[in-house]
Amino acid sequence: MQKLSKAERQKRILNELHASSTIRISSLAAALGVSGETIRRDLDEMGVGGALARTYGGAVARPVGAEAAWTERLGEMADERRRIAAAAATLLRPGDVVMIDAGSTVLHFARRITAELEGLTIVTNSFSVAIALGGNPGFSVVSCPGAYDPHEGSLTGPDTIAFI
């Protein structure tokens, strides 16, 4: 059996999930010719990314209607997201104070305003947004505290609410 790359292996795992909706680590390891630990790492990574839901000894398909992780959504409909970002950027003026939430569309927005505007104060609960905005020395960026939610890429919880 030819050794598969991580991306190829994870694609095969998703194909198996689409075929049976439940997969077991032992079956996948045998079918793909890798160790159970390799499959566990793949399933853990794919679970954090929202591609599947981890179970004891395997995984199940992500529930219907469950939203993909923000990192997956970032590349989807990128042209549309960039157009939204461009339109929204026209609403800001130097001196404005803006709160920017976490998410894939707002990351496009943050990148757009970083390249085009100056003199803004931005409050955000997103590491990715804060990093993108940090590329503009004319911005004052304030980051909220809170518990990190990797699925949404945001800081949330009572500390975040109290801060805001």
Protein backbone atom coordinates (compact mmCIF):
# COMPACT_ATOMS: atom_id res chain seq x y z
CA MET A 1 0.00 0.00 0.00
CA GLN A 2 1.28 3.44 -0.97
CA LYS A 3 1.74 5.79 1.99
CA LEU A 4 -0.83 8.59 1.91
CA SER A 5 -0.10 12.17 2.83
CA LYS A 6 -1.94 13.63 5.81
CA ALA A 7 -4.30 15.56 3.50
CA GLU A 8 -5.03 12.45 1.43
CA ARG A 9 -5.57 10.38 4.57
CA GLN A 10 -7.98 12.94 6.03
CA LYS A 11 -9.87 13.11 2.73
CA ARG A 12 -10.26 9.31 2.83
CA ILE A 13 -11.48 9.56 6.42
CA LEU A 14 -14.15 12.07 5.37
CA ASN A 15 -15.14 9.84 2.44
CA GLU A 16 -15.58 6.95 4.88
CA LEU A 17 -17.71 9.15 7.13
CA HIS A 18 -19.94 10.15 4.23
CA ALA A 19 -20.38 6.48 3.34
CA SER A 20 -21.16 5.15 6.82
CA SER A 21 -21.62 8.17 9.17
CA THR A 22 -19.64 6.35 11.91
CA ILE A 23 -16.01 5.28 11.80
CA ARG A 24 -13.76 3.34 14.17
CA ILE A 25 -10.08 4.07 14.75
CA SER A 26 -9.08 0.40 14.44
CA SER A 27 -10.87 -0.03 11.10
CA LEU A 28 -9.39 3.17 9.68
CA ALA A 29 -5.88 2.29 10.84
CA ALA A 30 -6.08 -1.11 9.13
CA ALA A 31 -7.64 0.26 5.94
CA LEU A 32 -5.13 3.11 5.63
CA GLY A 33 -2.06 1.18 6.80
CA VAL A 34 -1.18 3.54 9.66
CA SER A 35 -1.15 3.33 13.43
CA GLY A 36 -4.13 3.98 15.65
CA GLU A 37 -2.26 6.97 17.09
CA THR A 38 -1.97 8.52 13.62
CA ILE A 39 -5.72 8.12 13.10
CA ARG A 40 -6.42 9.56 16.59
CA ARG A 41 -4.34 12.64 15.78
CA ASP A 42 -6.15 13.04 12.44
CA LEU A 43 -9.57 12.69 14.07
CA ASP A 44 -8.64 15.12 16.87
CA GLU A 45 -7.44 17.72 14.35
CA MET A 46 -10.49 17.22 12.14
CA GLY A 47 -12.76 17.43 15.18
CA VAL A 48 -11.30 20.76 16.29
CA GLY A 49 -11.73 22.00 12.72
CA GLY A 50 -15.39 20.96 12.79
CA ALA A 51 -15.14 18.39 10.01
CA LEU A 52 -16.44 15.62 12.30
CA ALA A 53 -17.45 14.91 15.86
CA ARG A 54 -15.07 12.78 17.91
CA THR A 55 -16.42 9.80 19.84
CA TYR A 56 -14.75 7.24 22.07
CA GLY A 57 -12.84 5.00 19.67
CA GLY A 58 -13.77 6.85 16.50
CA ALA A 59 -15.87 9.64 15.05
CA VAL A 60 -19.26 10.45 13.60
CA ALA A 61 -20.27 12.78 10.82
CA ARG A 62 -20.78 16.39 11.79
CA PRO A 63 -24.47 16.92 12.52
CA VAL A 64 -26.55 18.29 9.66
CA GLY A 65 -26.81 22.05 9.97
CA ALA A 66 -23.66 22.31 12.10
CA GLU A 67 -21.59 25.25 10.96
CA ALA A 68 -18.04 24.66 9.81
CA ALA A 69 -15.22 26.16 11.85
CA TRP A 70 -14.31 29.75 10.96
CA THR A 71 -11.02 28.57 9.43
CA GLU A 72 -12.96 26.42 6.96
CA ARG A 73 -15.43 29.22 6.19
CA LEU A 74 -12.63 31.73 5.50
CA GLY A 75 -11.91 30.33 2.04
CA GLU A 76 -15.55 29.81 1.09
CA MET A 77 -17.18 32.56 -0.97
CA ALA A 78 -14.02 34.65 -0.60
CA ASP A 79 -14.97 37.04 -3.43
CA GLU A 80 -18.33 37.75 -1.81
CA ARG A 81 -16.69 38.29 1.58
CA ARG A 82 -14.18 40.71 0.05
CA ARG A 83 -17.03 42.70 -1.56
CA ILE A 84 -18.84 42.89 1.78
CA ALA A 85 -15.58 44.04 3.41
CA ALA A 86 -15.05 46.72 0.78
CA ALA A 87 -18.60 48.04 1.18
CA ALA A 88 -18.38 48.05 4.99
CA ALA A 89 -15.00 49.82 4.94
CA THR A 90 -16.60 52.84 3.22
CA LEU A 91 -18.70 53.43 6.36
CA LEU A 92 -15.70 54.18 8.59
CA ARG A 93 -13.95 57.50 9.15
CA PRO A 94 -10.77 58.45 11.05
CA GLY A 95 -11.54 58.79 14.76
CA ASP A 96 -14.24 56.09 14.73
CA VAL A 97 -14.33 53.47 17.47
CA VAL A 98 -15.51 50.09 16.18
CA MET A 99 -16.16 46.68 17.74
CA ILE A 100 -15.26 43.82 15.43
CA ASP A 101 -16.43 40.33 16.37
CA ALA A 102 -14.73 37.10 15.33
CA GLY A 103 -15.49 35.32 12.09
CA SER A 104 -14.43 34.70 8.56
CA THR A 105 -16.16 37.66 6.90
CA VAL A 106 -14.94 40.14 9.50
CA LEU A 107 -11.38 38.92 9.04
CA HIS A 108 -11.67 39.98 5.38
CA PHE A 109 -13.03 43.31 6.67
CA ALA A 110 -10.12 43.70 9.12
CA ARG A 111 -7.61 43.05 6.35
CA ARG A 112 -9.33 45.58 4.09
CA ILE A 113 -9.41 48.41 6.62
CA THR A 114 -5.83 47.69 7.67
CA ALA A 115 -4.74 48.36 4.10
CA GLU A 116 -6.96 51.39 3.47
CA LEU A 117 -7.74 53.34 6.63
CA GLU A 118 -6.06 55.01 9.59
CA GLY A 119 -6.97 56.65 12.87
CA LEU A 120 -9.38 53.98 14.11
CA THR A 121 -9.79 52.43 17.53
CA ILE A 122 -10.94 48.82 17.27
CA VAL A 123 -12.14 46.57 20.08
CA THR A 124 -12.18 42.87 19.19
CA ASN A 125 -12.64 39.45 20.73
CA SER A 126 -10.68 37.76 17.92
CA PHE A 127 -6.96 36.99 17.91
CA SER A 128 -6.97 36.79 14.10
CA VAL A 129 -8.67 40.15 13.72
CA ALA A 130 -6.29 41.76 16.24
CA ILE A 131 -3.27 40.34 14.40
CA ALA A 132 -4.56 41.59 11.04
CA LEU A 133 -5.25 45.05 12.46
CA GLY A 134 -1.83 45.13 14.11
CA GLY A 135 -0.33 45.62 10.65
CA ASN A 136 -1.53 49.24 10.69
CA PRO A 137 0.40 51.50 13.09
CA GLY A 138 -2.38 54.10 12.79
CA PHE A 139 -4.84 51.84 14.62
CA SER A 140 -5.36 51.42 18.33
CA VAL A 141 -6.38 47.78 18.86
CA VAL A 142 -7.97 46.63 22.11
CA SER A 143 -8.44 42.90 22.69
CA CYS A 144 -11.13 41.47 24.96
CA PRO A 145 -10.28 38.88 27.62
CA GLY A 146 -12.11 35.57 27.82
CA ALA A 147 -12.07 31.85 27.12
CA TYR A 148 -10.89 30.93 23.62
CA ASP A 149 -13.36 29.08 21.36
CA PRO A 150 -11.30 27.52 18.55
CA HIS A 151 -14.38 26.69 16.46
CA GLU A 152 -15.33 30.35 16.21
CA GLY A 153 -11.86 31.84 16.72
CA SER A 154 -13.19 34.09 19.45
CA LEU A 155 -12.80 34.97 23.09
CA THR A 156 -16.09 34.55 24.94
CA GLY A 157 -17.62 34.21 28.37
CA PRO A 158 -18.33 36.32 31.44
CA ASP A 159 -14.94 38.07 31.35
CA THR A 160 -15.57 39.17 27.76
CA ILE A 161 -19.05 40.43 28.59
CA ALA A 162 -17.86 42.31 31.68
CA PHE A 163 -15.03 43.91 29.66
CA ILE A 164 -17.36 45.13 26.94
